[in-house]
Amino acid sequence: MSGYEHRILEVRSGKVACLPGRDETIEHCRFCVYSRSFRVRGEYVPSPALAFCVKQRSCDEVNLREVEAVTCADHRNEGYRSMMNIIG
């Protein structure tokens, strides 16, 4: 990481405030290139979006109904960006 702290986006009704005025579902977060971890029952678990990341690979499934917050590495305020565009 380049000296920036990741944002913690609290989940409200299955969505997070990705950008001001733009909510995204946590289903989108699980496929977003900026998603780093999900807080489930107070514990942070790696995001399923890291399944193809060589540096922090994670293939564990996350129960999205229990997600309380998402750790987001979007430091340029680009918003949701699908990892499918990268691996496709």
PDB file of N, CA and C in Angstrom:
ATOM      1  N   MET A   1       0.846  -1.172   0.000  1.00  0.00           N
ATOM      2  CA  MET A   1       0.000   0.000   0.000  1.00  0.00           C
ATOM      3  C   MET A   1       0.886   1.227   0.000  1.00  0.00           C
ATOM      4  N   SER A   2       0.394   2.308  -0.551  1.00  0.00           N
ATOM      5  CA  SER A   2       1.226   3.483  -0.731  1.00  0.00           C
ATOM      6  C   SER A   2       0.997   4.551   0.339  1.00  0.00           C
ATOM      7  N   GLY A   3       0.958   4.171   1.606  1.00  0.00           N
ATOM      8  CA  GLY A   3       0.819   5.127   2.684  1.00  0.00           C
ATOM      9  C   GLY A   3      -0.613   5.553   2.976  1.00  0.00           C
ATOM     10  N   TYR A   4      -1.569   5.082   2.224  1.00  0.00           N
ATOM     11  CA  TYR A   4      -2.970   5.411   2.447  1.00  0.00           C
ATOM     12  C   TYR A   4      -3.611   4.345   3.312  1.00  0.00           C
ATOM     13  N   GLU A   5      -4.516   4.795   4.163  1.00  0.00           N
ATOM     14  CA  GLU A   5      -5.291   3.831   4.922  1.00  0.00           C
ATOM     15  C   GLU A   5      -6.533   3.474   4.128  1.00  0.00           C
ATOM     16  N   HIS A   6      -6.937   2.227   4.233  1.00  0.00           N
ATOM     17  CA  HIS A   6      -8.153   1.787   3.553  1.00  0.00           C
ATOM     18  C   HIS A   6      -9.375   2.369   4.266  1.00  0.00           C
ATOM     19  N   ARG A   7     -10.408   2.634   3.496  1.00  0.00           N
ATOM     20  CA  ARG A   7     -11.662   3.110   4.062  1.00  0.00           C
ATOM     21  C   ARG A   7     -12.446   1.915   4.604  1.00  0.00           C
ATOM     22  N   ILE A   8     -13.170   2.126   5.677  1.00  0.00           N
ATOM     23  CA  ILE A   8     -14.075   1.120   6.219  1.00  0.00           C
ATOM     24  C   ILE A   8     -15.484   1.599   5.884  1.00  0.00           C
ATOM     25  N   LEU A   9     -16.166   0.833   5.038  1.00  0.00           N
ATOM     26  CA  LEU A   9     -17.512   1.186   4.604  1.00  0.00           C
ATOM     27  C   LEU A   9     -18.517   0.325   5.359  1.00  0.00           C
ATOM     28  N   GLU A  10     -19.299   0.947   6.209  1.00  0.00           N
ATOM     29  CA  GLU A  10     -20.301   0.228   6.996  1.00  0.00           C
ATOM     30  C   GLU A  10     -21.443  -0.219   6.090  1.00  0.00           C
ATOM     31  N   VAL A  11     -21.930  -1.425   6.316  1.00  0.00           N
ATOM     32  CA  VAL A  11     -23.040  -1.972   5.536  1.00  0.00           C
ATOM     33  C   VAL A  11     -24.360  -1.528   6.156  1.00  0.00           C
ATOM     34  N   ARG A  12     -25.223  -0.990   5.304  1.00  0.00           N
ATOM     35  CA  ARG A  12     -26.571  -0.585   5.715  1.00  0.00           C
ATOM     36  C   ARG A  12     -27.552  -1.147   4.690  1.00  0.00           C
ATOM     37  N   SER A  13     -28.411  -2.030   5.144  1.00  0.00           N
ATOM     38  CA  SER A  13     -29.420  -2.660   4.264  1.00  0.00           C
ATOM     39  C   SER A  13     -28.777  -3.322   3.046  1.00  0.00           C
ATOM     40  N   GLY A  14     -27.639  -3.981   3.264  1.00  0.00           N
ATOM     41  CA  GLY A  14     -26.973  -4.724   2.192  1.00  0.00           C
ATOM     42  C   GLY A  14     -26.175  -3.871   1.227  1.00  0.00           C
ATOM     43  N   LYS A  15     -25.988  -2.573   1.563  1.00  0.00           N
ATOM     44  CA  LYS A  15     -25.251  -1.663   0.674  1.00  0.00           C
ATOM     45  C   LYS A  15     -24.212  -0.872   1.450  1.00  0.00           C
ATOM     46  N   VAL A  16     -23.226  -0.353   0.713  1.00  0.00           N
ATOM     47  CA  VAL A  16     -22.218   0.529   1.285  1.00  0.00           C
ATOM     48  C   VAL A  16     -22.193   1.825   0.483  1.00  0.00           C
ATOM     49  N   ALA A  17     -21.755   2.909   1.128  1.00  0.00           N
ATOM     50  CA  ALA A  17     -21.611   4.201   0.454  1.00  0.00           C
ATOM     51  C   ALA A  17     -20.283   4.199  -0.289  1.00  0.00           C
ATOM     52  N   CYS A  18     -20.303   3.663  -1.483  1.00  0.00           N
ATOM     53  CA  CYS A  18     -19.095   3.529  -2.307  1.00  0.00           C
ATOM     54  C   CYS A  18     -18.503   4.904  -2.613  1.00  0.00           C
ATOM     55  N   LEU A  19     -19.329   5.783  -3.092  1.00  0.00           N
ATOM     56  CA  LEU A  19     -18.979   7.183  -3.357  1.00  0.00           C
ATOM     57  C   LEU A  19     -20.096   8.046  -2.794  1.00  0.00           C
ATOM     58  N   PRO A  20     -19.841   9.328  -2.552  1.00  0.00           N
ATOM     59  CA  PRO A  20     -20.930  10.188  -2.078  1.00  0.00           C
ATOM     60  C   PRO A  20     -22.124  10.137  -3.043  1.00  0.00           C
ATOM     61  N   GLY A  21     -23.273   9.776  -2.516  1.00  0.00           N
ATOM     62  CA  GLY A  21     -24.471   9.697  -3.325  1.00  0.00           C
ATOM     63  C   GLY A  21     -24.577   8.460  -4.196  1.00  0.00           C
ATOM     64  N   ARG A  22     -23.634   7.530  -4.033  1.00  0.00           N
ATOM     65  CA  ARG A  22     -23.666   6.314  -4.855  1.00  0.00           C
ATOM     66  C   ARG A  22     -23.433   5.081  -3.986  1.00  0.00           C
ATOM     67  N   ASP A  23     -24.508   4.386  -3.691  1.00  0.00           N
ATOM     68  CA  ASP A  23     -24.423   3.152  -2.919  1.00  0.00           C
ATOM     69  C   ASP A  23     -24.227   1.973  -3.860  1.00  0.00           C
ATOM     70  N   GLU A  24     -23.501   0.983  -3.379  1.00  0.00           N
ATOM     71  CA  GLU A  24     -23.304  -0.275  -4.115  1.00  0.00           C
ATOM     72  C   GLU A  24     -23.680  -1.427  -3.197  1.00  0.00           C
ATOM     73  N   THR A  25     -24.160  -2.488  -3.771  1.00  0.00           N
ATOM     74  CA  THR A  25     -24.474  -3.676  -2.977  1.00  0.00           C
ATOM     75  C   THR A  25     -23.177  -4.369  -2.586  1.00  0.00           C
ATOM     76  N   ILE A  26     -23.231  -5.117  -1.492  1.00  0.00           N
ATOM     77  CA  ILE A  26     -22.027  -5.857  -1.104  1.00  0.00           C
ATOM     78  C   ILE A  26     -21.751  -7.000  -2.074  1.00  0.00           C
ATOM     79  N   GLU A  27     -22.758  -7.404  -2.850  1.00  0.00           N
ATOM     80  CA  GLU A  27     -22.512  -8.381  -3.909  1.00  0.00           C
ATOM     81  C   GLU A  27     -21.534  -7.800  -4.927  1.00  0.00           C
ATOM     82  N   HIS A  28     -21.677  -6.510  -5.222  1.00  0.00           N
ATOM     83  CA  HIS A  28     -20.716  -5.847  -6.115  1.00  0.00           C
ATOM     84  C   HIS A  28     -19.339  -5.791  -5.459  1.00  0.00           C
ATOM     85  N   CYS A  29     -19.296  -5.497  -4.158  1.00  0.00           N
ATOM     86  CA  CYS A  29     -18.016  -5.408  -3.449  1.00  0.00           C
ATOM     87  C   CYS A  29     -17.226  -6.710  -3.553  1.00  0.00           C
ATOM     88  N   ARG A  30     -17.919  -7.805  -3.561  1.00  0.00           N
ATOM     89  CA  ARG A  30     -17.194  -9.088  -3.600  1.00  0.00           C
ATOM     90  C   ARG A  30     -16.475  -9.296  -4.922  1.00  0.00           C
ATOM     91  N   PHE A  31     -16.814  -8.504  -5.948  1.00  0.00           N
ATOM     92  CA  PHE A  31     -16.147  -8.587  -7.248  1.00  0.00           C
ATOM     93  C   PHE A  31     -15.417  -7.294  -7.618  1.00  0.00           C
ATOM     94  N   CYS A  32     -15.250  -6.396  -6.657  1.00  0.00           N
ATOM     95  CA  CYS A  32     -14.611  -5.099  -6.929  1.00  0.00           C
ATOM     96  C   CYS A  32     -13.102  -5.180  -6.695  1.00  0.00           C
ATOM     97  N   VAL A  33     -12.332  -4.596  -7.591  1.00  0.00           N
ATOM     98  CA  VAL A  33     -10.875  -4.634  -7.476  1.00  0.00           C
ATOM     99  C   VAL A  33     -10.377  -3.919  -6.221  1.00  0.00           C
ATOM    100  N   TYR A  34     -11.178  -3.043  -5.648  1.00  0.00           N
ATOM    101  CA  TYR A  34     -10.753  -2.297  -4.465  1.00  0.00           C
ATOM    102  C   TYR A  34     -11.132  -2.966  -3.148  1.00  0.00           C
ATOM    103  N   SER A  35     -11.963  -3.972  -3.183  1.00  0.00           N
ATOM    104  CA  SER A  35     -12.411  -4.655  -1.980  1.00  0.00           C
ATOM    105  C   SER A  35     -11.259  -5.473  -1.386  1.00  0.00           C
ATOM    106  N   ARG A  36     -10.951  -5.234  -0.120  1.00  0.00           N
ATOM    107  CA  ARG A  36      -9.837  -5.936   0.525  1.00  0.00           C
ATOM    108  C   ARG A  36     -10.283  -6.941   1.577  1.00  0.00           C
ATOM    109  N   SER A  37     -11.295  -6.576   2.354  1.00  0.00           N
ATOM    110  CA  SER A  37     -11.780  -7.515   3.369  1.00  0.00           C
ATOM    111  C   SER A  37     -13.209  -7.162   3.748  1.00  0.00           C
ATOM    112  N   PHE A  38     -13.866  -8.144   4.369  1.00  0.00           N
ATOM    113  CA  PHE A  38     -15.219  -7.974   4.877  1.00  0.00           C
ATOM    114  C   PHE A  38     -15.176  -8.233   6.373  1.00  0.00           C
ATOM    115  N   ARG A  39     -15.894  -7.398   7.136  1.00  0.00           N
ATOM    116  CA  ARG A  39     -16.004  -7.648   8.577  1.00  0.00           C
ATOM    117  C   ARG A  39     -17.248  -8.484   8.811  1.00  0.00           C
ATOM    118  N   VAL A  40     -17.035  -9.672   9.368  1.00  0.00           N
ATOM    119  CA  VAL A  40     -18.118 -10.603   9.657  1.00  0.00           C
ATOM    120  C   VAL A  40     -18.016 -10.968  11.138  1.00  0.00           C
ATOM    121  N   ARG A  41     -19.069 -10.644  11.886  1.00  0.00           N
ATOM    122  CA  ARG A  41     -19.081 -10.913  13.332  1.00  0.00           C
ATOM    123  C   ARG A  41     -17.851 -10.332  14.034  1.00  0.00           C
ATOM    124  N   GLY A  42     -17.443  -9.140  13.619  1.00  0.00           N
ATOM    125  CA  GLY A  42     -16.320  -8.452  14.261  1.00  0.00           C
ATOM    126  C   GLY A  42     -14.942  -8.847  13.766  1.00  0.00           C
ATOM    127  N   GLU A  43     -14.833  -9.865  12.938  1.00  0.00           N
ATOM    128  CA  GLU A  43     -13.550 -10.329  12.408  1.00  0.00           C
ATOM    129  C   GLU A  43     -13.416  -9.949  10.929  1.00  0.00           C
ATOM    130  N   TYR A  44     -12.232  -9.517  10.535  1.00  0.00           N
ATOM    131  CA  TYR A  44     -11.996  -9.194   9.131  1.00  0.00           C
ATOM    132  C   TYR A  44     -11.502 -10.432   8.390  1.00  0.00           C
ATOM    133  N   VAL A  45     -12.186 -10.741   7.287  1.00  0.00           N
ATOM    134  CA  VAL A  45     -11.810 -11.874   6.443  1.00  0.00           C
ATOM    135  C   VAL A  45     -11.509 -11.340   5.049  1.00  0.00           C
ATOM    136  N   PRO A  46     -10.544 -11.953   4.341  1.00  0.00           N
ATOM    137  CA  PRO A  46     -10.199 -11.460   3.005  1.00  0.00           C
ATOM    138  C   PRO A  46     -11.398 -11.469   2.062  1.00  0.00           C
ATOM    139  N   SER A  47     -11.435 -10.482   1.205  1.00  0.00           N
ATOM    140  CA  SER A  47     -12.510 -10.369   0.231  1.00  0.00           C
ATOM    141  C   SER A  47     -12.390 -11.457  -0.829  1.00  0.00           C
ATOM    142  N   PRO A  48     -13.514 -12.003  -1.285  1.00  0.00           N
ATOM    143  CA  PRO A  48     -13.476 -12.964  -2.398  1.00  0.00           C
ATOM    144  C   PRO A  48     -12.889 -12.344  -3.673  1.00  0.00           C
ATOM    145  N   ALA A  49     -12.861 -11.017  -3.754  1.00  0.00           N
ATOM    146  CA  ALA A  49     -12.276 -10.342  -4.919  1.00  0.00           C
ATOM    147  C   ALA A  49     -10.779 -10.621  -5.032  1.00  0.00           C
ATOM    148  N   LEU A  50     -10.173 -11.092  -3.957  1.00  0.00           N
ATOM    149  CA  LEU A  50      -8.735 -11.375  -3.971  1.00  0.00           C
ATOM    150  C   LEU A  50      -8.413 -12.773  -4.495  1.00  0.00           C
ATOM    151  N   ALA A  51      -9.390 -13.462  -5.022  1.00  0.00           N
ATOM    152  CA  ALA A  51      -9.173 -14.824  -5.520  1.00  0.00           C
ATOM    153  C   ALA A  51      -8.112 -14.881  -6.616  1.00  0.00           C
ATOM    154  N   PHE A  52      -7.974 -13.810  -7.380  1.00  0.00           N
ATOM    155  CA  PHE A  52      -7.006 -13.799  -8.473  1.00  0.00           C
ATOM    156  C   PHE A  52      -5.798 -12.919  -8.169  1.00  0.00           C
ATOM    157  N   CYS A  53      -5.691 -12.441  -6.944  1.00  0.00           N
ATOM    158  CA  CYS A  53      -4.576 -11.588  -6.543  1.00  0.00           C
ATOM    159  C   CYS A  53      -3.390 -12.456  -6.154  1.00  0.00           C
ATOM    160  N   VAL A  54      -2.286 -12.260  -6.814  1.00  0.00           N
ATOM    161  CA  VAL A  54      -1.093 -13.062  -6.535  1.00  0.00           C
ATOM    162  C   VAL A  54      -0.528 -12.740  -5.154  1.00  0.00           C
ATOM    163  N   LYS A  55      -0.597 -11.480  -4.748  1.00  0.00           N
ATOM    164  CA  LYS A  55      -0.005 -11.043  -3.491  1.00  0.00           C
ATOM    165  C   LYS A  55      -0.811 -11.454  -2.260  1.00  0.00           C
ATOM    166  N   GLN A  56      -2.147 -11.404  -2.345  1.00  0.00           N
ATOM    167  CA  GLN A  56      -3.007 -11.700  -1.196  1.00  0.00           C
ATOM    168  C   GLN A  56      -4.120 -12.665  -1.563  1.00  0.00           C
ATOM    169  N   ARG A  57      -3.820 -13.734  -2.224  1.00  0.00           N
ATOM    170  CA  ARG A  57      -4.853 -14.639  -2.735  1.00  0.00           C
ATOM    171  C   ARG A  57      -5.770 -15.157  -1.628  1.00  0.00           C
ATOM    172  N   SER A  58      -7.058 -15.138  -1.907  1.00  0.00           N
ATOM    173  CA  SER A  58      -8.061 -15.670  -0.992  1.00  0.00           C
ATOM    174  C   SER A  58      -9.149 -16.335  -1.806  1.00  0.00           C
ATOM    175  N   CYS A  59      -9.451 -17.562  -1.479  1.00  0.00           N
ATOM    176  CA  CYS A  59     -10.504 -18.293  -2.195  1.00  0.00           C
ATOM    177  C   CYS A  59     -11.650 -18.670  -1.275  1.00  0.00           C
ATOM    178  N   ASP A  60     -11.671 -18.115  -0.068  1.00  0.00           N
ATOM    179  CA  ASP A  60     -12.730 -18.433   0.881  1.00  0.00           C
ATOM    180  C   ASP A  60     -14.005 -17.686   0.518  1.00  0.00           C
ATOM    181  N   GLU A  61     -15.127 -18.361   0.688  1.00  0.00           N
ATOM    182  CA  GLU A  61     -16.429 -17.751   0.441  1.00  0.00           C
ATOM    183  C   GLU A  61     -16.847 -17.000   1.700  1.00  0.00           C
ATOM    184  N   VAL A  62     -17.583 -15.921   1.535  1.00  0.00           N
ATOM    185  CA  VAL A  62     -18.050 -15.102   2.644  1.00  0.00           C
ATOM    186  C   VAL A  62     -19.577 -15.089   2.622  1.00  0.00           C
ATOM    187  N   ASN A  63     -20.180 -15.283   3.790  1.00  0.00           N
ATOM    188  CA  ASN A  63     -21.634 -15.204   3.901  1.00  0.00           C
ATOM    189  C   ASN A  63     -22.004 -13.723   3.872  1.00  0.00           C
ATOM    190  N   LEU A  64     -22.474 -13.240   2.729  1.00  0.00           N
ATOM    191  CA  LEU A  64     -22.742 -11.823   2.547  1.00  0.00           C
ATOM    192  C   LEU A  64     -23.841 -11.303   3.466  1.00  0.00           C
ATOM    193  N   ARG A  65     -24.731 -12.162   3.930  1.00  0.00           N
ATOM    194  CA  ARG A  65     -25.791 -11.722   4.846  1.00  0.00           C
ATOM    195  C   ARG A  65     -25.244 -11.318   6.210  1.00  0.00           C
ATOM    196  N   GLU A  66     -24.025 -11.754   6.537  1.00  0.00           N
ATOM    197  CA  GLU A  66     -23.441 -11.442   7.839  1.00  0.00           C
ATOM    198  C   GLU A  66     -22.397 -10.324   7.778  1.00  0.00           C
ATOM    199  N   VAL A  67     -22.171  -9.755   6.605  1.00  0.00           N
ATOM    200  CA  VAL A  67     -21.135  -8.721   6.463  1.00  0.00           C
ATOM    201  C   VAL A  67     -21.599  -7.424   7.122  1.00  0.00           C
ATOM    202  N   GLU A  68     -20.741  -6.891   7.996  1.00  0.00           N
ATOM    203  CA  GLU A  68     -21.025  -5.660   8.730  1.00  0.00           C
ATOM    204  C   GLU A  68     -20.353  -4.451   8.092  1.00  0.00           C
ATOM    205  N   ALA A  69     -19.203  -4.679   7.442  1.00  0.00           N
ATOM    206  CA  ALA A  69     -18.446  -3.581   6.833  1.00  0.00           C
ATOM    207  C   ALA A  69     -17.518  -4.151   5.769  1.00  0.00           C
ATOM    208  N   VAL A  70     -17.076  -3.272   4.875  1.00  0.00           N
ATOM    209  CA  VAL A  70     -16.157  -3.645   3.801  1.00  0.00           C
ATOM    210  C   VAL A  70     -14.943  -2.726   3.882  1.00  0.00           C
ATOM    211  N   THR A  71     -13.746  -3.314   3.792  1.00  0.00           N
ATOM    212  CA  THR A  71     -12.531  -2.524   3.722  1.00  0.00           C
ATOM    213  C   THR A  71     -12.261  -2.230   2.254  1.00  0.00           C
ATOM    214  N   CYS A  72     -12.129  -0.939   1.928  1.00  0.00           N
ATOM    215  CA  CYS A  72     -12.039  -0.500   0.541  1.00  0.00           C
ATOM    216  C   CYS A  72     -10.717   0.226   0.295  1.00  0.00           C
ATOM    217  N   ALA A  73     -10.031  -0.126  -0.792  1.00  0.00           N
ATOM    218  CA  ALA A  73      -8.740   0.474  -1.135  1.00  0.00           C
ATOM    219  C   ALA A  73      -8.855   1.476  -2.286  1.00  0.00           C
ATOM    220  N   ASP A  74     -10.042   2.006  -2.519  1.00  0.00           N
ATOM    221  CA  ASP A  74     -10.252   2.980  -3.597  1.00  0.00           C
ATOM    222  C   ASP A  74      -9.809   4.360  -3.115  1.00  0.00           C
ATOM    223  N   HIS A  75      -8.559   4.704  -3.354  1.00  0.00           N
ATOM    224  CA  HIS A  75      -8.006   5.976  -2.888  1.00  0.00           C
ATOM    225  C   HIS A  75      -8.200   7.105  -3.889  1.00  0.00           C
ATOM    226  N   ARG A  76      -8.626   6.794  -5.099  1.00  0.00           N
ATOM    227  CA  ARG A  76      -8.838   7.819  -6.132  1.00  0.00           C
ATOM    228  C   ARG A  76     -10.316   8.133  -6.358  1.00  0.00           C
ATOM    229  N   ASN A  77     -11.171   7.552  -5.530  1.00  0.00           N
ATOM    230  CA  ASN A  77     -12.616   7.765  -5.646  1.00  0.00           C
ATOM    231  C   ASN A  77     -13.150   7.428  -7.034  1.00  0.00           C
ATOM    232  N   GLU A  78     -12.730   6.296  -7.553  1.00  0.00           N
ATOM    233  CA  GLU A  78     -13.235   5.825  -8.842  1.00  0.00           C
ATOM    234  C   GLU A  78     -14.560   5.089  -8.694  1.00  0.00           C
ATOM    235  N   GLY A  79     -14.814   4.530  -7.524  1.00  0.00           N
ATOM    236  CA  GLY A  79     -16.031   3.762  -7.314  1.00  0.00           C
ATOM    237  C   GLY A  79     -15.857   2.324  -7.753  1.00  0.00           C
ATOM    238  N   TYR A  80     -16.968   1.627  -7.775  1.00  0.00           N
ATOM    239  CA  TYR A  80     -16.960   0.200  -8.106  1.00  0.00           C
ATOM    240  C   TYR A  80     -16.281  -0.056  -9.452  1.00  0.00           C
ATOM    241  N   ARG A  81     -15.353  -1.007  -9.446  1.00  0.00           N
ATOM    242  CA  ARG A  81     -14.666  -1.431 -10.669  1.00  0.00           C
ATOM    243  C   ARG A  81     -14.577  -2.952 -10.623  1.00  0.00           C
ATOM    244  N   SER A  82     -15.251  -3.589 -11.542  1.00  0.00           N
ATOM    245  CA  SER A  82     -15.338  -5.047 -11.547  1.00  0.00           C
ATOM    246  C   SER A  82     -13.993  -5.696 -11.871  1.00  0.00           C
ATOM    247  N   MET A  83     -13.636  -6.722 -11.096  1.00  0.00           N
ATOM    248  CA  MET A  83     -12.411  -7.462 -11.380  1.00  0.00           C
ATOM    249  C   MET A  83     -12.578  -8.301 -12.639  1.00  0.00           C
ATOM    250  N   MET A  84     -13.818  -8.503 -13.075  1.00  0.00           N
ATOM    251  CA  MET A  84     -14.064  -9.295 -14.287  1.00  0.00           C
ATOM    252  C   MET A  84     -13.486  -8.595 -15.522  1.00  0.00           C
ATOM    253  N   ASN A  85     -13.385  -7.275 -15.487  1.00  0.00           N
ATOM    254  CA  ASN A  85     -12.778  -6.540 -16.604  1.00  0.00           C
ATOM    255  C   ASN A  85     -11.279  -6.811 -16.702  1.00  0.00           C
ATOM    256  N   ILE A  86     -10.676  -7.154 -15.569  1.00  0.00           N
ATOM    257  CA  ILE A  86      -9.240  -7.404 -15.528  1.00  0.00           C
ATOM    258  C   ILE A  86      -8.919  -8.837 -15.937  1.00  0.00           C
ATOM    259  N   ILE A  87      -9.718  -9.806 -15.449  1.00  0.00           N
ATOM    260  CA  ILE A  87      -9.416 -11.213 -15.714  1.00  0.00           C
ATOM    261  C   ILE A  87     -10.054 -11.726 -16.987  1.00  0.00           C
ATOM    262  N   GLY A  88     -10.964 -10.928 -17.571  1.00  0.00           N
ATOM    263  CA  GLY A  88     -11.729 -11.366 -18.738  1.00  0.00           C
ATOM    264  C   GLY A  88     -11.006 -11.345 -19.999  1.00  0.00           C
TER     265      GLY A  88
END
